[in-house]
PDB file of all heavy atoms in Angstrom:
ATOM      1  N   LYS A   1      84.087  30.102  92.813  1.00  0.00           N
ATOM      2  CA  LYS A   1      85.182  30.488  93.653  1.00  0.00           C
ATOM      3  C   LYS A   1      86.295  29.427  93.714  1.00  0.00           C
ATOM      4  O   LYS A   1      87.497  29.781  93.461  1.00  0.00           O
ATOM      5  CB  LYS A   1      84.715  30.725  95.072  1.00  0.00           C
ATOM      6  CG  LYS A   1      85.759  31.231  96.072  1.00  0.00           C
ATOM      7  CD  LYS A   1      86.245  32.565  95.775  1.00  0.00           C
ATOM      8  CE  LYS A   1      87.149  33.174  96.866  1.00  0.00           C
ATOM      9  NZ  LYS A   1      88.341  32.366  97.166  1.00  0.00           N
ATOM     10  N   ALA A   2      85.983  28.219  93.766  1.00  0.00           N
ATOM     11  CA  ALA A   2      86.925  27.102  93.718  1.00  0.00           C
ATOM     12  C   ALA A   2      87.645  26.970  92.397  1.00  0.00           C
ATOM     13  O   ALA A   2      88.801  26.848  92.302  1.00  0.00           O
ATOM     14  CB  ALA A   2      86.245  25.808  94.165  1.00  0.00           C
ATOM     15  N   LEU A   3      86.869  27.247  91.357  1.00  0.00           N
ATOM     16  CA  LEU A   3      87.491  27.251  89.995  1.00  0.00           C
ATOM     17  C   LEU A   3      88.457  28.388  89.794  1.00  0.00           C
ATOM     18  O   LEU A   3      89.529  28.159  89.371  1.00  0.00           O
ATOM     19  CB  LEU A   3      86.333  27.349  88.993  1.00  0.00           C
ATOM     20  CG  LEU A   3      86.722  27.367  87.474  1.00  0.00           C
ATOM     21  CD1 LEU A   3      87.596  26.199  87.082  1.00  0.00           C
ATOM     22  CD2 LEU A   3      85.514  27.449  86.666  1.00  0.00           C
ATOM     23  N   ALA A   4      88.081  29.574  90.316  1.00  0.00           N
ATOM     24  CA  ALA A   4      88.884  30.713  90.138  1.00  0.00           C
ATOM     25  C   ALA A   4      90.202  30.487  91.024  1.00  0.00           C
ATOM     26  O   ALA A   4      91.334  30.800  90.460  1.00  0.00           O
ATOM     27  CB  ALA A   4      88.263  31.954  90.699  1.00  0.00           C
ATOM     28  N   ASP A   5      90.097  30.015  92.152  1.00  0.00           N
ATOM     29  CA  ASP A   5      91.315  29.620  92.942  1.00  0.00           C
ATOM     30  C   ASP A   5      92.243  28.658  92.263  1.00  0.00           C
ATOM     31  O   ASP A   5      93.464  28.816  92.286  1.00  0.00           O
ATOM     32  CB  ASP A   5      90.854  29.153  94.364  1.00  0.00           C
ATOM     33  CG  ASP A   5      90.232  30.177  95.184  1.00  0.00           C
ATOM     34  OD1 ASP A   5      90.363  31.355  94.875  1.00  0.00           O
ATOM     35  OD2 ASP A   5      89.587  29.775  96.133  1.00  0.00           O
ATOM     36  N   ALA A   6      91.636  27.647  91.617  1.00  0.00           N
ATOM     37  CA  ALA A   6      92.417  26.555  90.956  1.00  0.00           C
ATOM     38  C   ALA A   6      93.192  27.180  89.792  1.00  0.00           C
ATOM     39  O   ALA A   6      94.355  26.879  89.548  1.00  0.00           O
ATOM     40  CB  ALA A   6      91.535  25.463  90.594  1.00  0.00           C
ATOM     41  N   VAL A   7      92.501  28.008  88.963  1.00  0.00           N
ATOM     42  CA  VAL A   7      93.030  28.510  87.812  1.00  0.00           C
ATOM     43  C   VAL A   7      94.084  29.675  88.132  1.00  0.00           C
ATOM     44  O   VAL A   7      95.161  29.607  87.580  1.00  0.00           O
ATOM     45  CB  VAL A   7      91.975  29.118  86.855  1.00  0.00           C
ATOM     46  CG1 VAL A   7      92.584  29.996  85.714  1.00  0.00           C
ATOM     47  CG2 VAL A   7      91.114  28.012  86.268  1.00  0.00           C
ATOM     48  N   HIS A   8      93.821  30.506  89.093  1.00  0.00           N
ATOM     49  CA  HIS A   8      94.782  31.424  89.461  1.00  0.00           C
ATOM     50  C   HIS A   8      95.988  30.844  90.092  1.00  0.00           C
ATOM     51  O   HIS A   8      97.136  31.422  90.002  1.00  0.00           O
ATOM     52  CB  HIS A   8      94.044  32.380  90.508  1.00  0.00           C
ATOM     53  CG  HIS A   8      93.144  33.420  89.874  1.00  0.00           C
ATOM     54  ND1 HIS A   8      92.069  33.980  90.676  1.00  0.00           N
ATOM     55  CD2 HIS A   8      93.049  33.897  88.599  1.00  0.00           C
ATOM     56  CE1 HIS A   8      91.325  34.665  89.816  1.00  0.00           C
ATOM     57  NE2 HIS A   8      91.822  34.655  88.634  1.00  0.00           N
ATOM     58  N   GLY A   9      95.811  29.695  90.746  1.00  0.00           N
ATOM     59  CA  GLY A   9      96.952  28.999  91.357  1.00  0.00           C
ATOM     60  C   GLY A   9      97.947  28.577  90.268  1.00  0.00           C
ATOM     61  O   GLY A   9      99.175  28.328  90.678  1.00  0.00           O
ATOM     62  N   GLU A  10      97.596  28.552  89.040  1.00  0.00           N
ATOM     63  CA  GLU A  10      98.470  28.138  87.997  1.00  0.00           C
ATOM     64  C   GLU A  10      98.926  29.334  87.156  1.00  0.00           C
ATOM     65  O   GLU A  10      99.498  29.184  86.094  1.00  0.00           O
ATOM     66  CB  GLU A  10      97.749  27.147  87.079  1.00  0.00           C
ATOM     67  CG  GLU A  10      97.376  25.802  87.715  1.00  0.00           C
ATOM     68  CD  GLU A  10      98.463  24.975  88.305  1.00  0.00           C
ATOM     69  OE1 GLU A  10      99.562  25.279  87.822  1.00  0.00           O
ATOM     70  OE2 GLU A  10      98.236  24.050  89.062  1.00  0.00           O
ATOM     71  N   GLY A  11      98.651  30.525  87.632  1.00  0.00           N
ATOM     72  CA  GLY A  11      99.097  31.735  86.947  1.00  0.00           C
ATOM     73  C   GLY A  11      98.300  32.121  85.772  1.00  0.00           C
ATOM     74  O   GLY A  11      98.807  32.765  84.831  1.00  0.00           O
ATOM     75  N   CYS A  12      97.057  31.757  85.722  1.00  0.00           N
ATOM     76  CA  CYS A  12      96.191  31.954  84.591  1.00  0.00           C
ATOM     77  C   CYS A  12      94.973  32.806  85.039  1.00  0.00           C
ATOM     78  O   CYS A  12      94.459  32.816  86.108  1.00  0.00           O
ATOM     79  CB  CYS A  12      95.688  30.580  84.126  1.00  0.00           C
ATOM     80  SG  CYS A  12      94.621  30.689  82.594  1.00  0.00           S
ATOM     81  N   LYS A  13      94.562  33.742  84.083  1.00  0.00           N
ATOM     82  CA  LYS A  13      93.345  34.622  84.353  1.00  0.00           C
ATOM     83  C   LYS A  13      92.127  33.815  84.046  1.00  0.00           C
ATOM     84  O   LYS A  13      92.109  32.738  83.356  1.00  0.00           O
ATOM     85  CB  LYS A  13      93.445  35.843  83.371  1.00  0.00           C
ATOM     86  CG  LYS A  13      94.681  36.685  83.598  1.00  0.00           C
ATOM     87  CD  LYS A  13      94.731  37.372  84.960  1.00  0.00           C
ATOM     88  CE  LYS A  13      95.913  38.387  85.055  1.00  0.00           C
ATOM     89  NZ  LYS A  13      95.957  39.061  86.350  1.00  0.00           N
ATOM     90  N   LEU A  14      91.027  34.383  84.540  1.00  0.00           N
ATOM     91  CA  LEU A  14      89.641  33.651  84.360  1.00  0.00           C
ATOM     92  C   LEU A  14      88.662  34.616  83.918  1.00  0.00           C
ATOM     93  O   LEU A  14      88.564  35.706  84.441  1.00  0.00           O
ATOM     94  CB  LEU A  14      89.284  32.954  85.661  1.00  0.00           C
ATOM     95  CG  LEU A  14      88.072  31.955  85.539  1.00  0.00           C
ATOM     96  CD1 LEU A  14      88.549  30.704  84.724  1.00  0.00           C
ATOM     97  CD2 LEU A  14      87.668  31.525  86.938  1.00  0.00           C
ATOM     98  N   CYS A  15      87.823  34.335  82.937  1.00  0.00           N
ATOM     99  CA  CYS A  15      86.782  35.133  82.361  1.00  0.00           C
ATOM    100  C   CYS A  15      85.425  34.408  82.365  1.00  0.00           C
ATOM    101  O   CYS A  15      85.429  33.203  82.082  1.00  0.00           O
ATOM    102  CB  CYS A  15      87.118  35.555  80.900  1.00  0.00           C
ATOM    103  SG  CYS A  15      85.804  36.457  80.078  1.00  0.00           S
ATOM    104  N   ALA A  16      84.411  35.051  82.860  1.00  0.00           N
ATOM    105  CA  ALA A  16      83.057  34.486  82.861  1.00  0.00           C
ATOM    106  C   ALA A  16      82.243  34.863  81.645  1.00  0.00           C
ATOM    107  O   ALA A  16      82.065  36.035  81.402  1.00  0.00           O
ATOM    108  CB  ALA A  16      82.312  34.905  84.179  1.00  0.00           C
ATOM    109  N   GLN A  17      81.785  33.879  80.890  1.00  0.00           N
ATOM    110  CA  GLN A  17      80.986  34.190  79.790  1.00  0.00           C
ATOM    111  C   GLN A  17      79.471  34.402  80.185  1.00  0.00           C
ATOM    112  O   GLN A  17      78.855  33.246  80.456  1.00  0.00           O
ATOM    113  CB  GLN A  17      81.106  33.126  78.694  1.00  0.00           C
ATOM    114  CG  GLN A  17      80.413  33.405  77.424  1.00  0.00           C
ATOM    115  CD  GLN A  17      80.209  32.176  76.421  1.00  0.00           C
ATOM    116  OE1 GLN A  17      79.704  31.124  76.867  1.00  0.00           O
ATOM    117  NE2 GLN A  17      80.785  32.432  75.367  1.00  0.00           N
ATOM    118  N   LEU A  18      79.071  35.467  80.371  1.00  0.00           N
ATOM    119  CA  LEU A  18      77.701  35.763  80.867  1.00  0.00           C
ATOM    120  C   LEU A  18      76.664  35.555  79.746  1.00  0.00           C
ATOM    121  O   LEU A  18      76.898  36.057  78.691  1.00  0.00           O
ATOM    122  CB  LEU A  18      77.560  37.061  81.417  1.00  0.00           C
ATOM    123  CG  LEU A  18      78.545  37.528  82.524  1.00  0.00           C
ATOM    124  CD1 LEU A  18      78.323  38.922  83.061  1.00  0.00           C
ATOM    125  CD2 LEU A  18      78.411  36.481  83.717  1.00  0.00           C
ATOM    126  N   HIS A  19      75.692  34.758  80.001  1.00  0.00           N
ATOM    127  CA  HIS A  19      74.684  34.539  78.927  1.00  0.00           C
ATOM    128  C   HIS A  19      73.261  34.367  79.424  1.00  0.00           C
ATOM    129  O   HIS A  19      73.053  34.034  80.699  1.00  0.00           O
ATOM    130  CB  HIS A  19      75.062  33.318  78.132  1.00  0.00           C
ATOM    131  CG  HIS A  19      74.416  31.987  78.664  1.00  0.00           C
ATOM    132  ND1 HIS A  19      74.779  31.433  79.850  1.00  0.00           N
ATOM    133  CD2 HIS A  19      73.355  31.232  78.118  1.00  0.00           C
ATOM    134  CE1 HIS A  19      74.039  30.347  80.004  1.00  0.00           C
ATOM    135  NE2 HIS A  19      73.155  30.230  78.996  1.00  0.00           N
ATOM    136  N   GLN A  20      72.322  34.599  78.610  1.00  0.00           N
ATOM    137  CA  GLN A  20      70.950  34.261  78.854  1.00  0.00           C
ATOM    138  C   GLN A  20      70.459  33.380  77.695  1.00  0.00           C
ATOM    139  O   GLN A  20      70.521  33.749  76.619  1.00  0.00           O
ATOM    140  CB  GLN A  20      70.108  35.533  78.983  1.00  0.00           C
ATOM    141  CG  GLN A  20      68.553  35.278  79.059  1.00  0.00           C
ATOM    142  CD  GLN A  20      68.160  34.497  80.231  1.00  0.00           C
ATOM    143  OE1 GLN A  20      68.791  34.501  81.334  1.00  0.00           O
ATOM    144  NE2 GLN A  20      67.045  33.729  80.146  1.00  0.00           N
ATOM    145  N   SER A  21      69.916  32.174  78.133  1.00  0.00           N
ATOM    146  CA  SER A  21      69.446  31.275  77.170  1.00  0.00           C
ATOM    147  C   SER A  21      68.246  31.890  76.450  1.00  0.00           C
ATOM    148  O   SER A  21      67.451  32.622  76.953  1.00  0.00           O
ATOM    149  CB  SER A  21      68.983  30.020  77.817  1.00  0.00           C
ATOM    150  OG  SER A  21      68.361  29.086  76.854  1.00  0.00           O
ATOM    151  N   ASP A  22      68.145  31.602  75.066  1.00  0.00           N
ATOM    152  CA  ASP A  22      66.942  32.022  74.354  1.00  0.00           C
ATOM    153  C   ASP A  22      66.002  30.802  74.137  1.00  0.00           C
ATOM    154  O   ASP A  22      65.176  30.824  73.244  1.00  0.00           O
ATOM    155  CB  ASP A  22      67.285  32.584  72.920  1.00  0.00           C
ATOM    156  CG  ASP A  22      68.230  31.686  72.177  1.00  0.00           C
ATOM    157  OD1 ASP A  22      68.462  30.496  72.642  1.00  0.00           O
ATOM    158  OD2 ASP A  22      68.878  32.071  71.160  1.00  0.00           O
ATOM    159  N   SER A  23      66.201  29.722  74.928  1.00  0.00           N
ATOM    160  CA  SER A  23      65.310  28.564  74.834  1.00  0.00           C
ATOM    161  C   SER A  23      63.999  28.928  75.583  1.00  0.00           C
ATOM    162  O   SER A  23      63.965  29.342  76.692  1.00  0.00           O
ATOM    163  CB  SER A  23      65.971  27.344  75.451  1.00  0.00           C
ATOM    164  OG  SER A  23      67.080  26.942  74.642  1.00  0.00           O
ATOM    165  N   ASN A  24      62.864  28.590  74.904  1.00  0.00           N
ATOM    166  CA  ASN A  24      61.553  28.700  75.571  1.00  0.00           C
ATOM    167  C   ASN A  24      61.292  27.508  76.447  1.00  0.00           C
ATOM    168  O   ASN A  24      61.002  26.454  75.893  1.00  0.00           O
ATOM    169  CB  ASN A  24      60.443  28.839  74.444  1.00  0.00           C
ATOM    170  CG  ASN A  24      59.126  29.120  75.038  1.00  0.00           C
ATOM    171  OD1 ASN A  24      58.893  28.942  76.106  1.00  0.00           O
ATOM    172  ND2 ASN A  24      58.233  29.710  74.197  1.00  0.00           N
ATOM    173  N   VAL A  25      61.501  27.622  77.770  1.00  0.00           N
ATOM    174  CA  VAL A  25      61.392  26.532  78.658  1.00  0.00           C
ATOM    175  C   VAL A  25      59.977  25.918  78.551  1.00  0.00           C
ATOM    176  O   VAL A  25      59.928  24.602  78.514  1.00  0.00           O
ATOM    177  CB  VAL A  25      61.678  26.969  80.129  1.00  0.00           C
ATOM    178  CG1 VAL A  25      61.473  25.896  81.069  1.00  0.00           C
ATOM    179  CG2 VAL A  25      63.046  27.622  80.222  1.00  0.00           C
ATOM    180  N   LYS A  26      58.980  26.645  78.527  1.00  0.00           N
ATOM    181  CA  LYS A  26      57.596  26.062  78.388  1.00  0.00           C
ATOM    182  C   LYS A  26      57.468  25.264  77.082  1.00  0.00           C
ATOM    183  O   LYS A  26      56.825  24.167  77.144  1.00  0.00           O
ATOM    184  CB  LYS A  26      56.545  27.179  78.415  1.00  0.00           C
ATOM    185  CG  LYS A  26      56.489  27.832  79.765  1.00  0.00           C
ATOM    186  CD  LYS A  26      55.388  28.890  79.754  1.00  0.00           C
ATOM    187  CE  LYS A  26      55.267  29.613  81.077  1.00  0.00           C
ATOM    188  NZ  LYS A  26      54.221  30.658  81.071  1.00  0.00           N
ATOM    189  N   ALA A  27      58.044  25.664  76.034  1.00  0.00           N
ATOM    190  CA  ALA A  27      57.948  24.907  74.750  1.00  0.00           C
ATOM    191  C   ALA A  27      58.835  23.617  74.863  1.00  0.00           C
ATOM    192  O   ALA A  27      58.466  22.648  74.221  1.00  0.00           O
ATOM    193  CB  ALA A  27      58.415  25.769  73.589  1.00  0.00           C
ATOM    194  N   MET A  28      59.841  23.760  75.639  1.00  0.00           N
ATOM    195  CA  MET A  28      60.768  22.557  75.759  1.00  0.00           C
ATOM    196  C   MET A  28      60.076  21.382  76.339  1.00  0.00           C
ATOM    197  O   MET A  28      60.386  20.293  76.246  1.00  0.00           O
ATOM    198  CB  MET A  28      62.043  22.977  76.564  1.00  0.00           C
ATOM    199  CG  MET A  28      62.956  23.822  75.816  1.00  0.00           C
ATOM    200  SD  MET A  28      64.310  24.403  76.879  1.00  0.00           S
ATOM    201  CE  MET A  28      65.058  22.895  77.271  1.00  0.00           C
ATOM    202  N   LEU A  29      59.108  21.701  77.309  1.00  0.00           N
ATOM    203  CA  LEU A  29      58.550  20.700  78.247  1.00  0.00           C
ATOM    204  C   LEU A  29      57.883  19.610  77.380  1.00  0.00           C
ATOM    205  O   LEU A  29      57.828  18.414  77.738  1.00  0.00           O
ATOM    206  CB  LEU A  29      57.549  21.258  79.142  1.00  0.00           C
ATOM    207  CG  LEU A  29      58.141  22.167  80.213  1.00  0.00           C
ATOM    208  CD1 LEU A  29      57.108  22.842  81.092  1.00  0.00           C
ATOM    209  CD2 LEU A  29      59.137  21.487  81.181  1.00  0.00           C
ATOM    210  N   LYS A  30      57.291  20.001  76.232  1.00  0.00           N
ATOM    211  CA  LYS A  30      56.547  19.031  75.445  1.00  0.00           C
ATOM    212  C   LYS A  30      57.413  17.998  74.724  1.00  0.00           C
ATOM    213  O   LYS A  30      56.986  16.905  74.386  1.00  0.00           O
ATOM    214  CB  LYS A  30      55.650  19.641  74.441  1.00  0.00           C
ATOM    215  CG  LYS A  30      56.423  20.439  73.373  1.00  0.00           C
ATOM    216  CD  LYS A  30      55.493  21.135  72.409  1.00  0.00           C
ATOM    217  CE  LYS A  30      56.176  22.006  71.318  1.00  0.00           C
ATOM    218  NZ  LYS A  30      55.202  22.613  70.493  1.00  0.00           N
ATOM    219  N   TYR A  31      58.803  18.307  74.757  1.00  0.00           N
ATOM    220  CA  TYR A  31      59.653  17.362  74.050  1.00  0.00           C
ATOM    221  C   TYR A  31      60.378  16.410  75.079  1.00  0.00           C
ATOM    222  O   TYR A  31      60.962  15.464  74.695  1.00  0.00           O
ATOM    223  CB  TYR A  31      60.786  18.149  73.333  1.00  0.00           C
ATOM    224  CG  TYR A  31      60.257  19.021  72.234  1.00  0.00           C
ATOM    225  CD1 TYR A  31      60.548  20.423  72.228  1.00  0.00           C
ATOM    226  CD2 TYR A  31      59.508  18.522  71.213  1.00  0.00           C
ATOM    227  CE1 TYR A  31      60.130  21.216  71.260  1.00  0.00           C
ATOM    228  CE2 TYR A  31      59.083  19.342  70.225  1.00  0.00           C
ATOM    229  CZ  TYR A  31      59.290  20.725  70.205  1.00  0.00           C
ATOM    230  OH  TYR A  31      58.824  21.525  69.177  1.00  0.00           O
ATOM    231  N   ILE A  32      60.239  16.729  76.398  1.00  0.00           N
ATOM    232  CA  ILE A  32      60.892  15.915  77.391  1.00  0.00           C
ATOM    233  C   ILE A  32      60.490  14.422  77.322  1.00  0.00           C
ATOM    234  O   ILE A  32      61.412  13.567  77.371  1.00  0.00           O
ATOM    235  CB  ILE A  32      60.668  16.504  78.748  1.00  0.00           C
ATOM    236  CG1 ILE A  32      61.400  17.759  78.891  1.00  0.00           C
ATOM    237  CG2 ILE A  32      61.047  15.502  79.910  1.00  0.00           C
ATOM    238  CD1 ILE A  32      61.233  18.490  80.269  1.00  0.00           C
ATOM    239  N   PRO A  33      59.200  14.019  77.258  1.00  0.00           N
ATOM    240  CA  PRO A  33      58.900  12.611  77.159  1.00  0.00           C
ATOM    241  C   PRO A  33      59.577  11.902  76.016  1.00  0.00           C
ATOM    242  O   PRO A  33      60.030  10.800  76.131  1.00  0.00           O
ATOM    243  CB  PRO A  33      57.333  12.659  76.914  1.00  0.00           C
ATOM    244  CG  PRO A  33      56.886  13.934  77.640  1.00  0.00           C
ATOM    245  CD  PRO A  33      57.950  14.900  77.279  1.00  0.00           C
ATOM    246  N   GLY A  34      59.598  12.613  74.858  1.00  0.00           N
ATOM    247  CA  GLY A  34      60.266  12.045  73.696  1.00  0.00           C
ATOM    248  C   GLY A  34      61.778  11.746  73.902  1.00  0.00           C
ATOM    249  O   GLY A  34      62.369  10.838  73.410  1.00  0.00           O
ATOM    250  N   VAL A  35      62.362  12.743  74.569  1.00  0.00           N
ATOM    251  CA  VAL A  35      63.823  12.614  74.844  1.00  0.00           C
ATOM    252  C   VAL A  35      64.094  11.499  75.833  1.00  0.00           C
ATOM    253  O   VAL A  35      64.987  10.670  75.666  1.00  0.00           O
ATOM    254  CB  VAL A  35      64.384  13.961  75.399  1.00  0.00           C
ATOM    255  CG1 VAL A  35      65.862  13.810  75.827  1.00  0.00           C
ATOM    256  CG2 VAL A  35      64.266  15.024  74.271  1.00  0.00           C
ATOM    257  N   LEU A  36      63.252  11.479  76.887  1.00  0.00           N
ATOM    258  CA  LEU A  36      63.445  10.394  77.887  1.00  0.00           C
ATOM    259  C   LEU A  36      63.238   9.056  77.371  1.00  0.00           C
ATOM    260  O   LEU A  36      63.856   8.056  77.743  1.00  0.00           O
ATOM    261  CB  LEU A  36      62.442  10.733  79.104  1.00  0.00           C
ATOM    262  CG  LEU A  36      62.728  11.942  79.899  1.00  0.00           C
ATOM    263  CD1 LEU A  36      61.708  12.140  80.993  1.00  0.00           C
ATOM    264  CD2 LEU A  36      64.131  11.868  80.487  1.00  0.00           C
ATOM    265  N   THR A  37      62.262   8.919  76.471  1.00  0.00           N
ATOM    266  CA  THR A  37      62.011   7.554  75.804  1.00  0.00           C
ATOM    267  C   THR A  37      62.822   7.218  74.575  1.00  0.00           C
ATOM    268  O   THR A  37      62.734   6.308  73.936  1.00  0.00           O
ATOM    269  CB  THR A  37      60.539   7.448  75.448  1.00  0.00           C
ATOM    270  OG1 THR A  37      60.222   8.457  74.467  1.00  0.00           O
ATOM    271  CG2 THR A  37      59.608   7.502  76.611  1.00  0.00           C
ATOM    272  N   LYS A  38      63.745   8.301  74.327  1.00  0.00           N
ATOM    273  CA  LYS A  38      64.685   8.106  73.141  1.00  0.00           C
ATOM    274  C   LYS A  38      63.973   8.085  71.877  1.00  0.00           C
ATOM    275  O   LYS A  38      64.641   7.679  70.879  1.00  0.00           O
ATOM    276  CB  LYS A  38      65.605   6.957  73.297  1.00  0.00           C
ATOM    277  CG  LYS A  38      66.490   7.078  74.562  1.00  0.00           C
ATOM    278  CD  LYS A  38      67.464   5.928  74.691  1.00  0.00           C
ATOM    279  CE  LYS A  38      68.365   6.148  75.956  1.00  0.00           C
ATOM    280  NZ  LYS A  38      69.376   5.098  76.043  1.00  0.00           N
ATOM    281  N   ARG A  39      62.753   8.598  71.782  1.00  0.00           N
ATOM    282  CA  ARG A  39      62.077   8.746  70.416  1.00  0.00           C
ATOM    283  C   ARG A  39      62.598   9.967  69.763  1.00  0.00           C
ATOM    284  O   ARG A  39      62.546  10.089  68.522  1.00  0.00           O
ATOM    285  CB  ARG A  39      60.537   8.779  70.645  1.00  0.00           C
ATOM    286  CG  ARG A  39      59.909   7.578  71.028  1.00  0.00           C
ATOM    287  CD  ARG A  39      58.404   7.620  71.114  1.00  0.00           C
ATOM    288  NE  ARG A  39      57.997   8.444  72.153  1.00  0.00           N
ATOM    289  CZ  ARG A  39      57.447   9.718  71.998  1.00  0.00           C
ATOM    290  NH1 ARG A  39      57.386  10.279  70.800  1.00  0.00           N
ATOM    291  NH2 ARG A  39      57.056  10.410  73.039  1.00  0.00           N
TER     292      ARG A  39
END
């Protein structure tokens, strides 16, 4: 809402890109330790 108000205040339209991720969250979990340790 704040973003829409800010953009509209400048005379500009706003569009929301609706999406659903195709990332498998459960599969992602096994990579988190490697990312955190920068391996």
